[in-house]
Amino acid sequence: VKDFDFAHLEPALLKGLAGV
């Protein structure tokens, strides 16, 4: 389940990093 969570968190983290 970690893979699924990470896959869903990846875009969220990228957005946070981009500040969008």
Protein backbone atom coordinates (compact mmCIF):
# COMPACT_ATOMS: atom_id res chain seq x y z
CA VAL A 1 0.00 0.00 0.00
CA LYS A 2 3.03 2.24 0.41
CA ASP A 3 3.50 2.28 -3.36
CA PHE A 4 -0.04 3.56 -3.85
CA ASP A 5 0.35 6.17 -1.13
CA PHE A 6 3.69 7.32 -2.52
CA ALA A 7 2.32 7.44 -6.08
CA HIS A 8 -0.50 9.68 -4.84
CA LEU A 9 1.81 11.74 -2.67
CA GLU A 10 4.39 12.24 -5.42
CA PRO A 11 2.27 14.77 -7.37
CA ALA A 12 1.14 16.40 -4.13
CA LEU A 13 4.75 16.85 -3.02
CA LEU A 14 5.76 18.20 -6.42
CA LYS A 15 2.95 20.74 -6.25
CA GLY A 16 4.04 21.80 -2.77
CA LEU A 17 7.62 22.13 -3.94
CA ALA A 18 6.52 24.16 -6.95
CA GLY A 19 4.37 26.25 -4.63
CA VAL A 20 1.29 25.79 -6.78
